[in-house]
Amino acid sequence: MAYEVIIFETEGPLAVVTVNRPKALNALSPQVMDELTDAFDKISTDENIRAAVITGAGRAFVAGADISAMQTYTPLQARGFAKKGHKLGEKIENCPKPVIAAVNGFCLGGGCELAMCCDFIYASEGAKFGQPEINLGIVPGFGGTQRLPRLVGKGWAKLLCMTGEMIGAQEAAAIGLVTRVFPEGEVLEAAKKTALLMCGKGMVSLRAAKQLVEQGFDLPLQRALDLEAEVFCTCFTSPDQREGMSAFLEKRKADFKGGLDK
């Protein structure tokens, strides 16, 4: 697929995906979602890519869904639009590689929902977060009512979804939505630095850690621990387990080269 509204770049083992509709504050149109879905298909399957960062061009990460496209939707079209957003979110959430959202500026509505699908969110000090759909007479449709309470609890999720209020990066960090906050102009490089750090880890163990946190979160503790034991043992099928333990015992830096199929 030729990309028109996103930029897809690779820097060694790192993929950087930029939503590139700055005049529209990077609003999520159907085309943006299709291109992002295709990009994360590539990220998931390309063995040369070991981590990804997603960000936005200009003054926003993503300021929401494209209201000009939504205004005349029938209920059936609205359902299809929501399912398209769900598909993209699941593609990012289930990506076997680490994905970091580097949030600059506005991260609202569908943008906040997009960021929440990533493994964690890095934000600039001036970033603004919110689910303002209530002001349009609708509710979040790309997973906001479901992922937000899992991250920040029901009270904060209800407050944000029922008032449409925006909060700043520091408050978003305090409630658990944002992982780290950085000075203006530094968030993308900080996200890249963390992503490259993870690129140096074993791919099987990275995927396993992500899988365990995602799948075990809603399970009863004993079932989650059983899942952990099963996934833990799969790490011993990878040459990276032998390399990591040998490097530790030999007091040297590990050189992980195993892929997801090894």
Protein backbone atom coordinates (compact mmCIF):
# COMPACT_ATOMS: atom_id res chain seq x y z
CA MET A 1 0.00 0.00 0.00
CA ALA A 2 1.24 3.48 -0.89
CA TYR A 3 0.91 5.78 2.12
CA GLU A 4 -0.64 9.23 1.66
CA VAL A 5 -1.67 10.26 5.19
CA ILE A 6 0.96 8.51 7.31
CA ILE A 7 4.74 8.39 7.14
CA PHE A 8 6.40 5.02 7.66
CA GLU A 9 10.14 5.11 8.37
CA THR A 10 12.66 2.62 9.69
CA GLU A 11 15.73 3.50 11.72
CA GLY A 12 17.65 0.25 11.97
CA PRO A 13 15.41 -2.19 13.86
CA LEU A 14 12.94 0.57 14.81
CA ALA A 15 9.82 1.56 12.87
CA VAL A 16 8.52 5.13 13.32
CA VAL A 17 4.95 5.72 12.16
CA THR A 18 3.73 9.33 11.92
CA VAL A 19 0.10 10.30 11.33
CA ASN A 20 0.55 13.08 8.79
CA ARG A 21 -2.56 15.25 8.50
CA PRO A 22 -1.32 18.28 10.45
CA LYS A 23 -3.90 20.70 8.99
CA ALA A 24 -6.66 18.41 10.31
CA LEU A 25 -4.78 17.83 13.59
CA ASN A 26 -4.21 14.28 12.34
CA ALA A 27 -7.89 13.34 12.61
CA LEU A 28 -8.55 9.62 12.13
CA SER A 29 -10.27 9.28 8.78
CA PRO A 30 -11.03 5.84 7.32
CA GLN A 31 -7.97 6.27 5.10
CA VAL A 32 -5.70 6.98 8.09
CA MET A 33 -7.00 3.87 9.84
CA ASP A 34 -6.52 1.71 6.75
CA GLU A 35 -2.95 2.93 6.31
CA LEU A 36 -2.14 2.44 10.00
CA THR A 37 -3.58 -1.07 9.88
CA ASP A 38 -1.38 -1.89 6.90
CA ALA A 39 1.67 -0.38 8.62
CA PHE A 40 1.17 -2.53 11.70
CA ASP A 41 0.73 -5.61 9.53
CA LYS A 42 4.23 -4.89 8.24
CA ILE A 43 5.62 -4.21 11.70
CA SER A 44 4.16 -7.46 13.04
CA THR A 45 5.58 -9.66 10.26
CA ASP A 46 8.91 -8.03 9.35
CA GLU A 47 11.64 -9.81 11.33
CA ASN A 48 13.96 -6.84 10.78
CA ILE A 49 11.64 -4.61 12.82
CA ARG A 50 11.89 -5.19 16.57
CA ALA A 51 9.91 -2.24 18.00
CA ALA A 52 7.75 0.67 16.88
CA VAL A 53 6.90 4.25 17.83
CA ILE A 54 3.74 6.02 16.69
CA THR A 55 3.44 9.80 16.76
CA GLY A 56 1.69 12.71 15.03
CA ALA A 57 2.90 15.53 12.81
CA GLY A 58 2.49 19.15 13.86
CA ARG A 59 0.49 20.33 16.89
CA ALA A 60 -1.28 17.06 17.69
CA PHE A 61 -0.80 13.37 18.17
CA VAL A 62 -4.34 12.70 16.95
CA ALA A 63 -7.09 15.15 17.90
CA GLY A 64 -9.90 12.64 17.34
CA ALA A 65 -11.85 10.92 14.62
CA ASP A 66 -12.75 12.81 11.45
CA ILE A 67 -16.07 14.46 12.37
CA SER A 68 -16.60 15.75 8.83
CA ALA A 69 -16.66 12.13 7.68
CA MET A 70 -18.86 10.98 10.58
CA GLN A 71 -21.52 13.68 10.49
CA THR A 72 -23.79 12.05 7.91
CA TYR A 73 -23.24 8.39 8.89
CA THR A 74 -26.22 6.13 9.19
CA PRO A 75 -26.25 3.85 12.27
CA LEU A 76 -24.97 1.00 10.07
CA GLN A 77 -22.12 3.14 8.74
CA ALA A 78 -21.28 4.27 12.28
CA ARG A 79 -21.04 0.65 13.38
CA GLY A 80 -18.69 -0.14 10.51
CA PHE A 81 -16.54 2.88 11.42
CA ALA A 82 -16.35 1.74 15.05
CA LYS A 83 -15.41 -1.80 13.99
CA LYS A 84 -12.66 -0.37 11.75
CA GLY A 85 -11.29 1.45 14.80
CA HIS A 86 -11.52 -1.74 16.86
CA LYS A 87 -9.63 -3.67 14.19
CA LEU A 88 -6.81 -1.12 14.20
CA GLY A 89 -6.67 -1.12 17.99
CA GLU A 90 -6.48 -4.90 18.13
CA LYS A 91 -3.75 -4.88 15.47
CA ILE A 92 -1.59 -2.58 17.63
CA GLU A 93 -2.45 -4.23 20.94
CA ASN A 94 -1.70 -7.72 19.57
CA CYS A 95 1.47 -6.70 17.72
CA PRO A 96 4.23 -9.08 18.88
CA LYS A 97 6.67 -6.15 18.97
CA PRO A 98 6.73 -3.34 21.58
CA VAL A 99 4.81 -0.22 20.51
CA ILE A 100 5.21 3.20 22.19
CA ALA A 101 2.93 6.18 21.66
CA ALA A 102 4.93 9.44 21.57
CA VAL A 103 2.24 12.02 22.27
CA ASN A 104 2.71 15.66 21.37
CA GLY A 105 -0.14 18.15 21.66
CA PHE A 106 -3.76 17.02 21.47
CA CYS A 107 -4.54 13.36 22.12
CA LEU A 108 -8.32 13.35 22.13
CA GLY A 109 -11.16 10.98 21.30
CA GLY A 110 -9.94 8.45 18.76
CA GLY A 111 -6.40 9.69 19.34
CA CYS A 112 -6.56 8.84 23.03
CA GLU A 113 -8.06 5.48 22.11
CA LEU A 114 -5.25 4.89 19.61
CA ALA A 115 -2.59 5.74 22.21
CA MET A 116 -4.17 3.40 24.76
CA CYS A 117 -3.68 0.47 22.38
CA CYS A 118 0.09 0.95 22.60
CA ASP A 119 2.16 -0.73 25.29
CA PHE A 120 2.70 2.58 27.00
CA ILE A 121 2.39 6.30 26.41
CA TYR A 122 5.16 8.88 26.55
CA ALA A 123 3.88 12.48 26.53
CA SER A 124 5.24 15.98 26.16
CA GLU A 125 4.51 18.39 29.00
CA GLY A 126 1.97 20.27 26.90
CA ALA A 127 0.00 17.22 25.75
CA LYS A 128 -3.75 17.16 26.38
CA PHE A 129 -5.80 13.99 26.82
CA GLY A 130 -9.53 13.41 26.81
CA GLN A 131 -12.60 11.64 25.47
CA PRO A 132 -14.77 14.56 24.30
CA GLU A 133 -17.30 12.49 22.32
CA ILE A 134 -20.05 13.33 24.83
CA ASN A 135 -19.93 16.92 23.50
CA LEU A 136 -20.96 15.58 20.08
CA GLY A 137 -23.90 13.62 21.42
CA ILE A 138 -22.11 10.26 21.11
CA VAL A 139 -19.80 8.02 23.14
CA PRO A 140 -16.26 6.78 22.43
CA GLY A 141 -16.39 4.16 19.69
CA PHE A 142 -12.82 2.91 19.31
CA GLY A 143 -12.50 1.22 22.70
CA GLY A 144 -12.33 4.23 25.01
CA THR A 145 -15.06 3.11 27.39
CA GLN A 146 -13.32 -0.25 27.82
CA ARG A 147 -9.56 0.39 27.76
CA LEU A 148 -9.71 3.61 29.79
CA PRO A 149 -11.20 2.05 32.96
CA ARG A 150 -8.68 -0.78 32.72
CA LEU A 151 -5.91 1.82 32.83
CA VAL A 152 -7.23 4.46 35.22
CA GLY A 153 -10.17 2.86 37.04
CA LYS A 154 -13.90 3.32 36.62
CA GLY A 155 -14.17 6.66 38.38
CA TRP A 156 -11.70 8.53 36.19
CA ALA A 157 -12.97 6.76 33.06
CA LYS A 158 -16.54 7.84 33.81
CA LEU A 159 -15.42 11.40 34.56
CA LEU A 160 -13.53 11.75 31.28
CA CYS A 161 -16.19 10.02 29.15
CA MET A 162 -19.18 11.75 30.81
CA THR A 163 -17.81 15.31 30.98
CA GLY A 164 -15.60 15.51 27.90
CA GLU A 165 -13.01 17.22 30.11
CA MET A 166 -9.39 17.46 28.94
CA ILE A 167 -6.51 16.79 31.30
CA GLY A 168 -2.83 17.65 31.01
CA ALA A 169 0.09 15.26 30.73
CA GLN A 170 1.07 15.42 34.40
CA GLU A 171 -2.45 14.62 35.57
CA ALA A 172 -2.70 11.85 32.96
CA ALA A 173 0.50 10.40 34.40
CA ALA A 174 -0.81 10.69 37.95
CA ILE A 175 -3.91 8.61 37.13
CA GLY A 176 -1.97 5.97 35.19
CA LEU A 177 -2.86 6.88 31.61
CA VAL A 178 0.61 8.20 30.74
CA THR A 179 3.82 6.38 31.68
CA ARG A 180 6.35 9.23 31.44
CA VAL A 181 6.28 12.97 30.75
CA PHE A 182 9.06 14.87 28.95
CA PRO A 183 9.88 18.51 28.19
CA GLU A 184 8.49 19.92 24.96
CA GLY A 185 10.36 18.73 21.91
CA GLU A 186 11.92 15.70 23.63
CA VAL A 187 9.16 13.10 23.66
CA LEU A 188 9.84 11.49 20.27
CA GLU A 189 13.55 11.02 20.92
CA ALA A 190 12.77 9.66 24.39
CA ALA A 191 10.35 7.14 22.90
CA LYS A 192 12.90 6.12 20.28
CA LYS A 193 15.55 5.68 22.98
CA THR A 194 13.31 3.33 24.98
CA ALA A 195 12.24 1.47 21.85
CA LEU A 196 15.86 0.94 20.80
CA LEU A 197 16.64 -0.31 24.31
CA MET A 198 13.94 -2.94 23.87
CA CYS A 199 15.26 -3.75 20.39
CA GLY A 200 18.34 -5.13 22.13
CA LYS A 201 16.32 -7.69 24.09
CA GLY A 202 15.26 -11.17 22.99
CA MET A 203 12.24 -11.11 20.68
CA VAL A 204 10.63 -14.19 22.20
CA SER A 205 10.89 -12.86 25.74
CA LEU A 206 9.64 -9.42 24.70
CA ARG A 207 6.59 -10.95 23.06
CA ALA A 208 6.07 -13.22 26.06
CA ALA A 209 6.16 -10.32 28.54
CA LYS A 210 3.66 -8.32 26.49
CA GLN A 211 1.40 -11.35 26.05
CA LEU A 212 1.39 -12.18 29.74
CA VAL A 213 0.47 -8.69 30.91
CA GLU A 214 -2.27 -8.33 28.28
CA GLN A 215 -3.82 -11.78 28.60
CA GLY A 216 -3.34 -12.28 32.32
CA PHE A 217 -4.72 -8.92 33.44
CA ASP A 218 -8.39 -9.93 33.55
CA LEU A 219 -7.85 -13.56 34.61
CA PRO A 220 -8.22 -14.88 38.15
CA LEU A 221 -4.77 -14.87 39.75
CA GLN A 222 -4.26 -18.63 39.74
CA ARG A 223 -5.20 -18.92 36.07
CA ALA A 224 -2.89 -16.01 35.28
CA LEU A 225 -0.03 -17.67 37.15
CA ASP A 226 -0.65 -20.90 35.24
CA LEU A 227 -0.47 -18.90 32.02
CA GLU A 228 2.80 -17.33 33.19
CA ALA A 229 4.32 -20.76 33.85
CA GLU A 230 3.35 -21.97 30.37
CA VAL A 231 4.71 -18.89 28.61
CA PHE A 232 7.84 -18.87 30.81
CA CYS A 233 8.77 -22.33 29.58
CA THR A 234 8.38 -21.32 25.91
CA CYS A 235 11.25 -18.87 26.39
CA PHE A 236 13.51 -21.92 26.81
CA THR A 237 12.85 -22.86 23.17
CA SER A 238 14.67 -19.73 22.00
CA PRO A 239 18.44 -19.48 21.48
CA ASP A 240 18.17 -16.12 23.20
CA GLN A 241 17.57 -17.87 26.54
CA ARG A 242 20.87 -19.71 26.22
CA GLU A 243 22.66 -16.57 25.03
CA GLY A 244 21.21 -14.41 27.81
CA MET A 245 22.12 -16.80 30.59
CA SER A 246 25.56 -17.52 29.15
CA ALA A 247 26.27 -13.80 28.85
CA PHE A 248 25.22 -13.24 32.45
CA LEU A 249 27.49 -16.01 33.74
CA GLU A 250 30.36 -14.84 31.53
CA LYS A 251 29.84 -11.20 32.62
CA ARG A 252 29.37 -9.83 29.11
CA LYS A 253 26.58 -8.11 27.20
CA ALA A 254 24.12 -10.51 25.60
CA ASP A 255 23.84 -10.54 21.80
CA PHE A 256 20.27 -11.59 21.12
CA LYS A 257 19.69 -12.75 17.55
CA GLY A 258 16.74 -15.10 17.82
CA GLY A 259 13.54 -14.37 15.93
CA LEU A 260 9.90 -14.95 16.83
CA ASP A 261 9.95 -18.28 15.00
CA LYS A 262 12.94 -19.59 16.98
